PDB file of N, CA and C in Angstrom:
ATOM      1  N   UNK A   1      -4.202 -16.327  37.493  1.00  0.00           N
ATOM      2  CA  UNK A   1      -4.811 -16.879  36.313  1.00  0.00           C
ATOM      3  C   UNK A   1      -4.101 -16.312  35.073  1.00  0.00           C
ATOM      4  N   UNK A   2      -3.771 -17.187  34.148  1.00  0.00           N
ATOM      5  CA  UNK A   2      -3.022 -16.804  32.957  1.00  0.00           C
ATOM      6  C   UNK A   2      -3.965 -16.464  31.804  1.00  0.00           C
ATOM      7  N   UNK A   3      -3.539 -15.517  30.998  1.00  0.00           N
ATOM      8  CA  UNK A   3      -4.339 -15.196  29.817  1.00  0.00           C
ATOM      9  C   UNK A   3      -3.738 -15.850  28.563  1.00  0.00           C
ATOM     10  N   UNK A   4      -2.985 -16.902  28.787  1.00  0.00           N
ATOM     11  CA  UNK A   4      -2.351 -17.625  27.684  1.00  0.00           C
ATOM     12  C   UNK A   4      -3.355 -18.138  26.649  1.00  0.00           C
ATOM     13  N   UNK A   5      -4.483 -18.764  27.047  1.00  0.00           N
ATOM     14  CA  UNK A   5      -5.461 -19.218  26.041  1.00  0.00           C
ATOM     15  C   UNK A   5      -6.032 -18.058  25.205  1.00  0.00           C
ATOM     16  N   UNK A   6      -6.256 -16.930  25.843  1.00  0.00           N
ATOM     17  CA  UNK A   6      -6.775 -15.762  25.128  1.00  0.00           C
ATOM     18  C   UNK A   6      -5.750 -15.266  24.118  1.00  0.00           C
ATOM     19  N   UNK A   7      -4.496 -15.182  24.507  1.00  0.00           N
ATOM     20  CA  UNK A   7      -3.434 -14.747  23.585  1.00  0.00           C
ATOM     21  C   UNK A   7      -3.323 -15.706  22.412  1.00  0.00           C
ATOM     22  N   UNK A   8      -3.421 -17.006  22.678  1.00  0.00           N
ATOM     23  CA  UNK A   8      -3.340 -18.006  21.616  1.00  0.00           C
ATOM     24  C   UNK A   8      -4.512 -17.842  20.646  1.00  0.00           C
ATOM     25  N   UNK A   9      -5.706 -17.609  21.179  1.00  0.00           N
ATOM     26  CA  UNK A   9      -6.878 -17.422  20.323  1.00  0.00           C
ATOM     27  C   UNK A   9      -6.729 -16.167  19.459  1.00  0.00           C
ATOM     28  N   UNK A  10      -6.226 -15.082  20.041  1.00  0.00           N
ATOM     29  CA  UNK A  10      -6.004 -13.854  19.277  1.00  0.00           C
ATOM     30  C   UNK A  10      -4.956 -14.069  18.191  1.00  0.00           C
ATOM     31  N   UNK A  11      -3.886 -14.760  18.526  1.00  0.00           N
ATOM     32  CA  UNK A  11      -2.812 -15.042  17.562  1.00  0.00           C
ATOM     33  C   UNK A  11      -3.344 -15.900  16.410  1.00  0.00           C
ATOM     34  N   UNK A  12      -4.139 -16.925  16.729  1.00  0.00           N
ATOM     35  CA  UNK A  12      -4.705 -17.790  15.698  1.00  0.00           C
ATOM     36  C   UNK A  12      -5.664 -17.012  14.787  1.00  0.00           C
ATOM     37  N   UNK A  13      -6.475 -16.146  15.372  1.00  0.00           N
ATOM     38  CA  UNK A  13      -7.404 -15.338  14.578  1.00  0.00           C
ATOM     39  C   UNK A  13      -6.642 -14.397  13.654  1.00  0.00           C
ATOM     40  N   UNK A  14      -5.549 -13.819  14.147  1.00  0.00           N
ATOM     41  CA  UNK A  14      -4.736 -12.921  13.328  1.00  0.00           C
ATOM     42  C   UNK A  14      -4.132 -13.672  12.143  1.00  0.00           C
ATOM     43  N   UNK A  15      -3.658 -14.865  12.380  1.00  0.00           N
ATOM     44  CA  UNK A  15      -3.030 -15.659  11.317  1.00  0.00           C
ATOM     45  C   UNK A  15      -4.029 -16.075  10.249  1.00  0.00           C
ATOM     46  N   UNK A  16      -5.292 -16.254  10.626  1.00  0.00           N
ATOM     47  CA  UNK A  16      -6.302 -16.691   9.664  1.00  0.00           C
ATOM     48  C   UNK A  16      -6.892 -15.533   8.867  1.00  0.00           C
ATOM     49  N   UNK A  17      -6.810 -14.332   9.372  1.00  0.00           N
ATOM     50  CA  UNK A  17      -7.362 -13.176   8.670  1.00  0.00           C
ATOM     51  C   UNK A  17      -6.307 -12.632   7.711  1.00  0.00           C
ATOM     52  N   UNK A  18      -6.578 -12.697   6.420  1.00  0.00           N
ATOM     53  CA  UNK A  18      -5.585 -12.174   5.480  1.00  0.00           C
ATOM     54  C   UNK A  18      -5.490 -10.657   5.602  1.00  0.00           C
ATOM     55  N   UNK A  19      -4.304 -10.091   5.337  1.00  0.00           N
ATOM     56  CA  UNK A  19      -4.191  -8.635   5.388  1.00  0.00           C
ATOM     57  C   UNK A  19      -5.018  -7.999   4.273  1.00  0.00           C
ATOM     58  N   UNK A  20      -5.363  -6.750   4.459  1.00  0.00           N
ATOM     59  CA  UNK A  20      -6.157  -6.032   3.469  1.00  0.00           C
ATOM     60  C   UNK A  20      -5.289  -5.722   2.252  1.00  0.00           C
ATOM     61  N   UNK A  21      -5.733  -6.151   1.086  1.00  0.00           N
ATOM     62  CA  UNK A  21      -5.020  -5.928  -0.171  1.00  0.00           C
ATOM     63  C   UNK A  21      -5.788  -4.912  -0.995  1.00  0.00           C
ATOM     64  N   UNK A  22      -5.066  -4.178  -1.865  1.00  0.00           N
ATOM     65  CA  UNK A  22      -5.789  -3.233  -2.701  1.00  0.00           C
ATOM     66  C   UNK A  22      -4.908  -2.399  -3.592  1.00  0.00           C
ATOM     67  N   UNK A  23      -5.564  -1.465  -4.268  1.00  0.00           N
ATOM     68  CA  UNK A  23      -4.918  -0.537  -5.188  1.00  0.00           C
ATOM     69  C   UNK A  23      -4.889   0.834  -4.511  1.00  0.00           C
ATOM     70  N   UNK A  24      -3.786   1.541  -4.680  1.00  0.00           N
ATOM     71  CA  UNK A  24      -3.591   2.808  -3.983  1.00  0.00           C
ATOM     72  C   UNK A  24      -2.934   3.850  -4.875  1.00  0.00           C
ATOM     73  N   UNK A  25      -3.033   5.085  -4.446  1.00  0.00           N
ATOM     74  CA  UNK A  25      -2.277   6.197  -5.008  1.00  0.00           C
ATOM     75  C   UNK A  25      -1.481   6.820  -3.879  1.00  0.00           C
ATOM     76  N   UNK A  26      -0.228   7.129  -4.137  1.00  0.00           N
ATOM     77  CA  UNK A  26       0.547   7.960  -3.216  1.00  0.00           C
ATOM     78  C   UNK A  26       0.669   9.313  -3.905  1.00  0.00           C
ATOM     79  N   UNK A  27      -0.028  10.286  -3.360  1.00  0.00           N
ATOM     80  CA  UNK A  27      -0.053  11.634  -3.931  1.00  0.00           C
ATOM     81  C   UNK A  27       1.170  12.418  -3.499  1.00  0.00           C
ATOM     82  N   UNK A  28       1.720  13.190  -4.423  1.00  0.00           N
ATOM     83  CA  UNK A  28       2.771  14.157  -4.130  1.00  0.00           C
ATOM     84  C   UNK A  28       2.152  15.525  -4.378  1.00  0.00           C
ATOM     85  N   UNK A  29       1.785  16.218  -3.316  1.00  0.00           N
ATOM     86  CA  UNK A  29       1.082  17.491  -3.456  1.00  0.00           C
ATOM     87  C   UNK A  29       1.983  18.581  -4.016  1.00  0.00           C
ATOM     88  N   UNK A  30       3.298  18.469  -3.864  1.00  0.00           N
ATOM     89  CA  UNK A  30       4.212  19.484  -4.375  1.00  0.00           C
ATOM     90  C   UNK A  30       4.419  19.349  -5.885  1.00  0.00           C
ATOM     91  N   UNK A  31       4.505  18.138  -6.375  1.00  0.00           N
ATOM     92  CA  UNK A  31       4.761  17.907  -7.801  1.00  0.00           C
ATOM     93  C   UNK A  31       3.468  17.742  -8.600  1.00  0.00           C
ATOM     94  N   UNK A  32       2.344  17.539  -7.923  1.00  0.00           N
ATOM     95  CA  UNK A  32       1.091  17.363  -8.627  1.00  0.00           C
ATOM     96  C   UNK A  32       0.982  16.022  -9.341  1.00  0.00           C
ATOM     97  N   UNK A  33       1.720  15.042  -8.874  1.00  0.00           N
ATOM     98  CA  UNK A  33       1.689  13.709  -9.477  1.00  0.00           C
ATOM     99  C   UNK A  33       1.341  12.693  -8.407  1.00  0.00           C
ATOM    100  N   UNK A  34       1.111  11.462  -8.871  1.00  0.00           N
ATOM    101  CA  UNK A  34       0.795  10.381  -7.942  1.00  0.00           C
ATOM    102  C   UNK A  34       1.389   9.090  -8.467  1.00  0.00           C
ATOM    103  N   UNK A  35       1.696   8.197  -7.534  1.00  0.00           N
ATOM    104  CA  UNK A  35       2.195   6.872  -7.869  1.00  0.00           C
ATOM    105  C   UNK A  35       1.057   5.889  -7.683  1.00  0.00           C
ATOM    106  N   UNK A  36       0.688   5.188  -8.755  1.00  0.00           N
ATOM    107  CA  UNK A  36      -0.354   4.175  -8.698  1.00  0.00           C
ATOM    108  C   UNK A  36       0.305   2.837  -8.453  1.00  0.00           C
ATOM    109  N   UNK A  37      -0.244   2.069  -7.518  1.00  0.00           N
ATOM    110  CA  UNK A  37       0.307   0.749  -7.239  1.00  0.00           C
ATOM    111  C   UNK A  37      -0.726  -0.147  -6.591  1.00  0.00           C
ATOM    112  N   UNK A  38      -0.307  -1.367  -6.356  1.00  0.00           N
ATOM    113  CA  UNK A  38      -1.156  -2.319  -5.645  1.00  0.00           C
ATOM    114  C   UNK A  38      -0.277  -3.106  -4.683  1.00  0.00           C
ATOM    115  N   UNK A  39      -0.907  -3.611  -3.652  1.00  0.00           N
ATOM    116  CA  UNK A  39      -0.173  -4.352  -2.633  1.00  0.00           C
ATOM    117  C   UNK A  39      -1.077  -5.391  -1.982  1.00  0.00           C
ATOM    118  N   UNK A  40      -0.457  -6.453  -1.507  1.00  0.00           N
ATOM    119  CA  UNK A  40      -1.207  -7.470  -0.777  1.00  0.00           C
ATOM    120  C   UNK A  40      -1.390  -7.072   0.688  1.00  0.00           C
ATOM    121  N   UNK A  41      -0.738  -5.975   1.098  1.00  0.00           N
ATOM    122  CA  UNK A  41      -0.808  -5.562   2.494  1.00  0.00           C
ATOM    123  C   UNK A  41      -0.827  -4.037   2.587  1.00  0.00           C
ATOM    124  N   UNK A  42      -2.023  -3.461   2.580  1.00  0.00           N
ATOM    125  CA  UNK A  42      -2.158  -2.008   2.642  1.00  0.00           C
ATOM    126  C   UNK A  42      -1.632  -1.435   3.955  1.00  0.00           C
ATOM    127  N   UNK A  43      -1.796  -2.172   5.033  1.00  0.00           N
ATOM    128  CA  UNK A  43      -1.306  -1.686   6.333  1.00  0.00           C
ATOM    129  C   UNK A  43       0.213  -1.510   6.301  1.00  0.00           C
ATOM    130  N   UNK A  44       0.903  -2.417   5.645  1.00  0.00           N
ATOM    131  CA  UNK A  44       2.358  -2.315   5.529  1.00  0.00           C
ATOM    132  C   UNK A  44       2.754  -1.055   4.765  1.00  0.00           C
ATOM    133  N   UNK A  45       2.005  -0.734   3.729  1.00  0.00           N
ATOM    134  CA  UNK A  45       2.278   0.479   2.956  1.00  0.00           C
ATOM    135  C   UNK A  45       2.135   1.720   3.830  1.00  0.00           C
ATOM    136  N   UNK A  46       1.063   1.780   4.607  1.00  0.00           N
ATOM    137  CA  UNK A  46       0.863   2.901   5.526  1.00  0.00           C
ATOM    138  C   UNK A  46       2.010   2.974   6.543  1.00  0.00           C
ATOM    139  N   UNK A  47       2.428   1.826   7.051  1.00  0.00           N
ATOM    140  CA  UNK A  47       3.512   1.788   8.029  1.00  0.00           C
ATOM    141  C   UNK A  47       4.822   2.282   7.431  1.00  0.00           C
ATOM    142  N   UNK A  48       5.092   1.945   6.172  1.00  0.00           N
ATOM    143  CA  UNK A  48       6.318   2.414   5.520  1.00  0.00           C
ATOM    144  C   UNK A  48       6.330   3.929   5.411  1.00  0.00           C
ATOM    145  N   UNK A  49       5.191   4.510   5.028  1.00  0.00           N
ATOM    146  CA  UNK A  49       5.130   5.968   4.921  1.00  0.00           C
ATOM    147  C   UNK A  49       5.281   6.616   6.290  1.00  0.00           C
ATOM    148  N   UNK A  50       4.664   6.045   7.297  1.00  0.00           N
ATOM    149  CA  UNK A  50       4.810   6.581   8.654  1.00  0.00           C
ATOM    150  C   UNK A  50       6.260   6.473   9.141  1.00  0.00           C
ATOM    151  N   UNK A  51       6.920   5.367   8.828  1.00  0.00           N
ATOM    152  CA  UNK A  51       8.325   5.205   9.193  1.00  0.00           C
ATOM    153  C   UNK A  51       9.180   6.246   8.483  1.00  0.00           C
ATOM    154  N   UNK A  52       8.916   6.465   7.202  1.00  0.00           N
ATOM    155  CA  UNK A  52       9.666   7.468   6.443  1.00  0.00           C
ATOM    156  C   UNK A  52       9.481   8.849   7.054  1.00  0.00           C
ATOM    157  N   UNK A  53       8.260   9.152   7.458  1.00  0.00           N
ATOM    158  CA  UNK A  53       8.001  10.449   8.103  1.00  0.00           C
ATOM    159  C   UNK A  53       8.727  10.558   9.447  1.00  0.00           C
ATOM    160  N   UNK A  54       8.657   9.497  10.233  1.00  0.00           N
ATOM    161  CA  UNK A  54       9.251   9.525  11.574  1.00  0.00           C
ATOM    162  C   UNK A  54      10.770   9.649  11.528  1.00  0.00           C
ATOM    163  N   UNK A  55      11.386   9.059  10.506  1.00  0.00           N
ATOM    164  CA  UNK A  55      12.850   9.067  10.412  1.00  0.00           C
ATOM    165  C   UNK A  55      13.377  10.094   9.421  1.00  0.00           C
ATOM    166  N   UNK A  56      12.472  10.753   8.716  1.00  0.00           N
ATOM    167  CA  UNK A  56      12.847  11.720   7.673  1.00  0.00           C
ATOM    168  C   UNK A  56      13.797  11.113   6.645  1.00  0.00           C
ATOM    169  N   UNK A  57      13.538   9.869   6.286  1.00  0.00           N
ATOM    170  CA  UNK A  57      14.330   9.193   5.264  1.00  0.00           C
ATOM    171  C   UNK A  57      13.391   8.612   4.210  1.00  0.00           C
ATOM    172  N   UNK A  58      13.876   8.555   2.992  1.00  0.00           N
ATOM    173  CA  UNK A  58      13.033   8.074   1.907  1.00  0.00           C
ATOM    174  C   UNK A  58      13.390   6.662   1.450  1.00  0.00           C
ATOM    175  N   UNK A  59      14.298   5.993   2.131  1.00  0.00           N
ATOM    176  CA  UNK A  59      14.781   4.685   1.709  1.00  0.00           C
ATOM    177  C   UNK A  59      13.728   3.593   1.630  1.00  0.00           C
ATOM    178  N   UNK A  60      12.662   3.678   2.388  1.00  0.00           N
ATOM    179  CA  UNK A  60      11.634   2.634   2.365  1.00  0.00           C
ATOM    180  C   UNK A  60      10.591   2.878   1.279  1.00  0.00           C
ATOM    181  N   UNK A  61      10.657   4.035   0.639  1.00  0.00           N
ATOM    182  CA  UNK A  61       9.672   4.386  -0.382  1.00  0.00           C
ATOM    183  C   UNK A  61      10.049   3.793  -1.733  1.00  0.00           C
ATOM    184  N   UNK A  62       9.067   3.698  -2.601  1.00  0.00           N
ATOM    185  CA  UNK A  62       9.297   3.277  -3.980  1.00  0.00           C
ATOM    186  C   UNK A  62      10.343   4.202  -4.603  1.00  0.00           C
ATOM    187  N   UNK A  63      11.234   3.638  -5.386  1.00  0.00           N
ATOM    188  CA  UNK A  63      12.349   4.404  -5.955  1.00  0.00           C
ATOM    189  C   UNK A  63      11.876   5.596  -6.792  1.00  0.00           C
ATOM    190  N   UNK A  64      10.677   5.524  -7.361  1.00  0.00           N
ATOM    191  CA  UNK A  64      10.161   6.629  -8.166  1.00  0.00           C
ATOM    192  C   UNK A  64       9.774   7.836  -7.321  1.00  0.00           C
ATOM    193  N   UNK A  65       9.590   7.637  -6.028  1.00  0.00           N
ATOM    194  CA  UNK A  65       9.200   8.731  -5.131  1.00  0.00           C
ATOM    195  C   UNK A  65      10.388   9.347  -4.398  1.00  0.00           C
ATOM    196  N   UNK A  66      11.502   8.656  -4.345  1.00  0.00           N
ATOM    197  CA  UNK A  66      12.609   9.077  -3.491  1.00  0.00           C
ATOM    198  C   UNK A  66      13.157  10.459  -3.843  1.00  0.00           C
ATOM    199  N   UNK A  67      13.348  10.731  -5.110  1.00  0.00           N
ATOM    200  CA  UNK A  67      13.890  12.036  -5.503  1.00  0.00           C
ATOM    201  C   UNK A  67      13.005  13.181  -5.062  1.00  0.00           C
ATOM    202  N   UNK A  68      11.695  13.062  -5.331  1.00  0.00           N
ATOM    203  CA  UNK A  68      10.770  14.116  -4.918  1.00  0.00           C
ATOM    204  C   UNK A  68      10.643  14.193  -3.404  1.00  0.00           C
ATOM    205  N   UNK A  69      10.669  13.050  -2.731  1.00  0.00           N
ATOM    206  CA  UNK A  69      10.582  13.051  -1.266  1.00  0.00           C
ATOM    207  C   UNK A  69      11.804  13.744  -0.667  1.00  0.00           C
ATOM    208  N   UNK A  70      12.962  13.509  -1.254  1.00  0.00           N
ATOM    209  CA  UNK A  70      14.174  14.180  -0.773  1.00  0.00           C
ATOM    210  C   UNK A  70      14.133  15.673  -1.086  1.00  0.00           C
ATOM    211  N   UNK A  71      13.605  16.036  -2.256  1.00  0.00           N
ATOM    212  CA  UNK A  71      13.571  17.439  -2.665  1.00  0.00           C
ATOM    213  C   UNK A  71      12.504  18.241  -1.925  1.00  0.00           C
ATOM    214  N   UNK A  72      11.308  17.686  -1.783  1.00  0.00           N
ATOM    215  CA  UNK A  72      10.184  18.430  -1.211  1.00  0.00           C
ATOM    216  C   UNK A  72       9.886  18.070   0.240  1.00  0.00           C
ATOM    217  N   UNK A  73      10.429  16.963   0.718  1.00  0.00           N
ATOM    218  CA  UNK A  73      10.126  16.476   2.058  1.00  0.00           C
ATOM    219  C   UNK A  73       9.045  15.410   2.008  1.00  0.00           C
ATOM    220  N   UNK A  74       9.078  14.515   2.954  1.00  0.00           N
ATOM    221  CA  UNK A  74       8.146  13.394   2.965  1.00  0.00           C
ATOM    222  C   UNK A  74       6.731  13.845   3.305  1.00  0.00           C
ATOM    223  N   UNK A  75       6.613  14.997   3.919  1.00  0.00           N
ATOM    224  CA  UNK A  75       5.302  15.520   4.292  1.00  0.00           C
ATOM    225  C   UNK A  75       4.385  15.805   3.117  1.00  0.00           C
ATOM    226  N   UNK A  76       4.931  15.889   1.891  1.00  0.00           N
ATOM    227  CA  UNK A  76       4.089  16.164   0.723  1.00  0.00           C
ATOM    228  C   UNK A  76       3.401  14.903   0.203  1.00  0.00           C
ATOM    229  N   UNK A  77       3.746  13.745   0.770  1.00  0.00           N
ATOM    230  CA  UNK A  77       3.195  12.473   0.304  1.00  0.00           C
ATOM    231  C   UNK A  77       2.012  12.041   1.166  1.00  0.00           C
ATOM    232  N   UNK A  78       0.972  11.546   0.511  1.00  0.00           N
ATOM    233  CA  UNK A  78      -0.186  11.002   1.223  1.00  0.00           C
ATOM    234  C   UNK A  78      -0.724   9.816   0.434  1.00  0.00           C
ATOM    235  N   UNK A  79      -1.351   8.887   1.141  1.00  0.00           N
ATOM    236  CA  UNK A  79      -1.870   7.670   0.526  1.00  0.00           C
ATOM    237  C   UNK A  79      -3.388   7.756   0.412  1.00  0.00           C
ATOM    238  N   UNK A  80      -3.866   7.347  -0.759  1.00  0.00           N
ATOM    239  CA  UNK A  80      -5.301   7.203  -0.985  1.00  0.00           C
ATOM    240  C   UNK A  80      -5.553   5.778  -1.458  1.00  0.00           C
ATOM    241  N   UNK A  81      -6.366   5.044  -0.735  1.00  0.00           N
ATOM    242  CA  UNK A  81      -6.737   3.694  -1.143  1.00  0.00           C
ATOM    243  C   UNK A  81      -7.882   3.824  -2.140  1.00  0.00           C
ATOM    244  N   UNK A  82      -7.659   3.334  -3.355  1.00  0.00           N
ATOM    245  CA  UNK A  82      -8.659   3.440  -4.416  1.00  0.00           C
ATOM    246  C   UNK A  82      -9.658   2.296  -4.391  1.00  0.00           C
ATOM    247  N   UNK A  83      -9.147   1.099  -4.101  1.00  0.00           N
ATOM    248  CA  UNK A  83     -10.027  -0.067  -4.112  1.00  0.00           C
ATOM    249  C   UNK A  83      -9.417  -1.154  -3.242  1.00  0.00           C
ATOM    250  N   UNK A  84     -10.252  -1.779  -2.442  1.00  0.00           N
ATOM    251  CA  UNK A  84      -9.821  -2.887  -1.592  1.00  0.00           C
ATOM    252  C   UNK A  84     -10.298  -4.186  -2.235  1.00  0.00           C
ATOM    253  N   UNK A  85      -9.389  -5.143  -2.330  1.00  0.00           N
ATOM    254  CA  UNK A  85      -9.710  -6.449  -2.901  1.00  0.00           C
ATOM    255  C   UNK A  85     -10.266  -7.341  -1.802  1.00  0.00           C
ATOM    256  N   UNK A  86     -11.366  -7.997  -2.083  1.00  0.00           N
ATOM    257  CA  UNK A  86     -11.958  -8.918  -1.122  1.00  0.00           C
ATOM    258  C   UNK A  86     -11.202 -10.247  -1.210  1.00  0.00           C
ATOM    259  N   UNK A  87     -10.230 -10.441  -0.339  1.00  0.00           N
ATOM    260  CA  UNK A  87      -9.408 -11.649  -0.336  1.00  0.00           C
ATOM    261  C   UNK A  87     -10.063 -12.675   0.584  1.00  0.00           C
ATOM    262  N   UNK A  88     -10.235 -13.881   0.064  1.00  0.00           N
ATOM    263  CA  UNK A  88     -10.785 -14.964   0.872  1.00  0.00           C
ATOM    264  C   UNK A  88      -9.683 -15.976   1.168  1.00  0.00           C
ATOM    265  N   UNK A  89      -9.898 -16.798   2.168  1.00  0.00           N
ATOM    266  CA  UNK A  89      -8.907 -17.817   2.519  1.00  0.00           C
ATOM    267  C   UNK A  89      -8.754 -18.853   1.416  1.00  0.00           C
ATOM    268  N   UNK A  90      -9.761 -18.990   0.553  1.00  0.00           N
ATOM    269  CA  UNK A  90      -9.703 -19.965  -0.539  1.00  0.00           C
ATOM    270  C   UNK A  90      -8.823 -19.488  -1.699  1.00  0.00           C
ATOM    271  N   UNK A  91      -8.505 -18.202  -1.753  1.00  0.00           N
ATOM    272  CA  UNK A  91      -7.704 -17.663  -2.858  1.00  0.00           C
ATOM    273  C   UNK A  91      -6.235 -18.005  -2.680  1.00  0.00           C
ATOM    274  N   UNK A  92      -5.594 -18.355  -3.780  1.00  0.00           N
ATOM    275  CA  UNK A  92      -4.155 -18.587  -3.743  1.00  0.00           C
ATOM    276  C   UNK A  92      -3.436 -17.245  -3.860  1.00  0.00           C
ATOM    277  N   UNK A  93      -2.158 -17.233  -3.521  1.00  0.00           N
ATOM    278  CA  UNK A  93      -1.361 -16.015  -3.646  1.00  0.00           C
ATOM    279  C   UNK A  93      -1.334 -15.547  -5.100  1.00  0.00           C
ATOM    280  N   UNK A  94      -1.243 -16.482  -6.027  1.00  0.00           N
ATOM    281  CA  UNK A  94      -1.223 -16.132  -7.450  1.00  0.00           C
ATOM    282  C   UNK A  94      -2.532 -15.479  -7.883  1.00  0.00           C
ATOM    283  N   UNK A  95      -3.643 -15.962  -7.371  1.00  0.00           N
ATOM    284  CA  UNK A  95      -4.945 -15.371  -7.697  1.00  0.00           C
ATOM    285  C   UNK A  95      -5.052 -13.949  -7.159  1.00  0.00           C
ATOM    286  N   UNK A  96      -4.581 -13.747  -5.949  1.00  0.00           N
ATOM    287  CA  UNK A  96      -4.618 -12.412  -5.353  1.00  0.00           C
ATOM    288  C   UNK A  96      -3.778 -11.455  -6.190  1.00  0.00           C
ATOM    289  N   UNK A  97      -2.559 -11.859  -6.535  1.00  0.00           N
ATOM    290  CA  UNK A  97      -1.677 -11.005  -7.333  1.00  0.00           C
ATOM    291  C   UNK A  97      -2.262 -10.721  -8.712  1.00  0.00           C
ATOM    292  N   UNK A  98      -2.872 -11.720  -9.318  1.00  0.00           N
ATOM    293  CA  UNK A  98      -3.492 -11.534 -10.629  1.00  0.00           C
ATOM    294  C   UNK A  98      -4.655 -10.545 -10.547  1.00  0.00           C
ATOM    295  N   UNK A  99      -5.494 -10.696  -9.537  1.00  0.00           N
ATOM    296  CA  UNK A  99      -6.619  -9.777  -9.361  1.00  0.00           C
ATOM    297  C   UNK A  99      -6.136  -8.348  -9.096  1.00  0.00           C
ATOM    298  N   UNK A 100      -5.087  -8.212  -8.292  1.00  0.00           N
ATOM    299  CA  UNK A 100      -4.534  -6.887  -8.021  1.00  0.00           C
ATOM    300  C   UNK A 100      -3.977  -6.255  -9.293  1.00  0.00           C
ATOM    301  N   UNK A 101      -3.288  -7.043 -10.109  1.00  0.00           N
ATOM    302  CA  UNK A 101      -2.737  -6.525 -11.361  1.00  0.00           C
ATOM    303  C   UNK A 101      -3.852  -6.051 -12.290  1.00  0.00           C
ATOM    304  N   UNK A 102      -4.942  -6.788 -12.339  1.00  0.00           N
ATOM    305  CA  UNK A 102      -6.085  -6.399 -13.169  1.00  0.00           C
ATOM    306  C   UNK A 102      -6.697  -5.101 -12.667  1.00  0.00           C
ATOM    307  N   UNK A 103      -6.919  -5.011 -11.365  1.00  0.00           N
ATOM    308  CA  UNK A 103      -7.485  -3.786 -10.794  1.00  0.00           C
ATOM    309  C   UNK A 103      -6.574  -2.587 -11.032  1.00  0.00           C
ATOM    310  N   UNK A 104      -5.272  -2.784 -10.848  1.00  0.00           N
ATOM    311  CA  UNK A 104      -4.324  -1.685 -11.061  1.00  0.00           C
ATOM    312  C   UNK A 104      -4.360  -1.227 -12.516  1.00  0.00           C
ATOM    313  N   UNK A 105      -4.434  -2.168 -13.444  1.00  0.00           N
ATOM    314  CA  UNK A 105      -4.501  -1.832 -14.869  1.00  0.00           C
ATOM    315  C   UNK A 105      -5.761  -1.025 -15.185  1.00  0.00           C
ATOM    316  N   UNK A 106      -6.882  -1.423 -14.606  1.00  0.00           N
ATOM    317  CA  UNK A 106      -8.132  -0.691 -14.823  1.00  0.00           C
ATOM    318  C   UNK A 106      -8.036   0.737 -14.285  1.00  0.00           C
ATOM    319  N   UNK A 107      -7.429   0.887 -13.106  1.00  0.00           N
ATOM    320  CA  UNK A 107      -7.266   2.223 -12.527  1.00  0.00           C
ATOM    321  C   UNK A 107      -6.282   3.057 -13.352  1.00  0.00           C
ATOM    322  N   UNK A 108      -5.245   2.424 -13.891  1.00  0.00           N
ATOM    323  CA  UNK A 108      -4.274   3.146 -14.721  1.00  0.00           C
ATOM    324  C   UNK A 108      -4.967   3.720 -15.961  1.00  0.00           C
ATOM    325  N   UNK A 109      -5.839   2.931 -16.582  1.00  0.00           N
ATOM    326  CA  UNK A 109      -6.605   3.411 -17.737  1.00  0.00           C
ATOM    327  C   UNK A 109      -7.535   4.552 -17.340  1.00  0.00           C
ATOM    328  N   UNK A 110      -8.187   4.395 -16.202  1.00  0.00           N
ATOM    329  CA  UNK A 110      -9.158   5.395 -15.737  1.00  0.00           C
ATOM    330  C   UNK A 110      -8.485   6.731 -15.428  1.00  0.00           C
ATOM    331  N   UNK A 111      -7.310   6.694 -14.782  1.00  0.00           N
ATOM    332  CA  UNK A 111      -6.636   7.916 -14.368  1.00  0.00           C
ATOM    333  C   UNK A 111      -5.835   8.562 -15.489  1.00  0.00           C
ATOM    334  N   UNK A 112      -5.326   7.768 -16.423  1.00  0.00           N
ATOM    335  CA  UNK A 112      -4.500   8.315 -17.505  1.00  0.00           C
ATOM    336  C   UNK A 112      -3.086   8.582 -17.046  1.00  0.00           C
ATOM    337  N   UNK A 113      -2.165   8.704 -17.995  1.00  0.00           N
ATOM    338  CA  UNK A 113      -0.747   8.823 -17.647  1.00  0.00           C
ATOM    339  C   UNK A 113      -0.302  10.225 -17.246  1.00  0.00           C
ATOM    340  N   UNK A 114      -1.107  11.239 -17.489  1.00  0.00           N
ATOM    341  CA  UNK A 114      -0.671  12.615 -17.286  1.00  0.00           C
ATOM    342  C   UNK A 114      -0.232  12.943 -15.880  1.00  0.00           C
ATOM    343  N   UNK A 115      -0.933  12.434 -14.901  1.00  0.00           N
ATOM    344  CA  UNK A 115      -0.608  12.812 -13.521  1.00  0.00           C
ATOM    345  C   UNK A 115       0.048  11.685 -12.732  1.00  0.00           C
ATOM    346  N   UNK A 116       0.446  10.611 -13.419  1.00  0.00           N
ATOM    347  CA  UNK A 116       1.054   9.465 -12.736  1.00  0.00           C
ATOM    348  C   UNK A 116       2.555   9.410 -12.985  1.00  0.00           C
ATOM    349  N   UNK A 117       3.271   8.948 -11.993  1.00  0.00           N
ATOM    350  CA  UNK A 117       4.683   8.651 -12.176  1.00  0.00           C
ATOM    351  C   UNK A 117       4.773   7.472 -13.143  1.00  0.00           C
ATOM    352  N   UNK A 118       5.865   7.379 -13.881  1.00  0.00           N
ATOM    353  CA  UNK A 118       6.061   6.265 -14.804  1.00  0.00           C
ATOM    354  C   UNK A 118       6.160   4.941 -14.084  1.00  0.00           C
ATOM    355  N   UNK A 119       6.031   3.879 -14.826  1.00  0.00           N
ATOM    356  CA  UNK A 119       6.085   2.536 -14.239  1.00  0.00           C
ATOM    357  C   UNK A 119       7.450   2.305 -13.774  1.00  0.00           C
TER     358      UNK A 119
END
């Protein structure tokens, strides 16, 4: 008996569920700073950091983090999800990006520039 119908159902469900989007901080514990950003795919961000750790390379990281990651090691970086955006299937990509930009701007005001990497 084949599990082909089950695999197809799982694949279809995965395609219909949008990835988790949100606003995040990548903390640098050695420098005492953090990078504020937003993404349509938080899981991808976590995977990039894990890949950087596994390979001891900083090439997949945001360019603002690479110098410190090379100087202090990738182990000083950690991700904190500040807010998750409730993405619905009815939302367009432009709406998601606009909402993320608004949330990121609000968090930037709340946190202040003192402990954040520049844009």
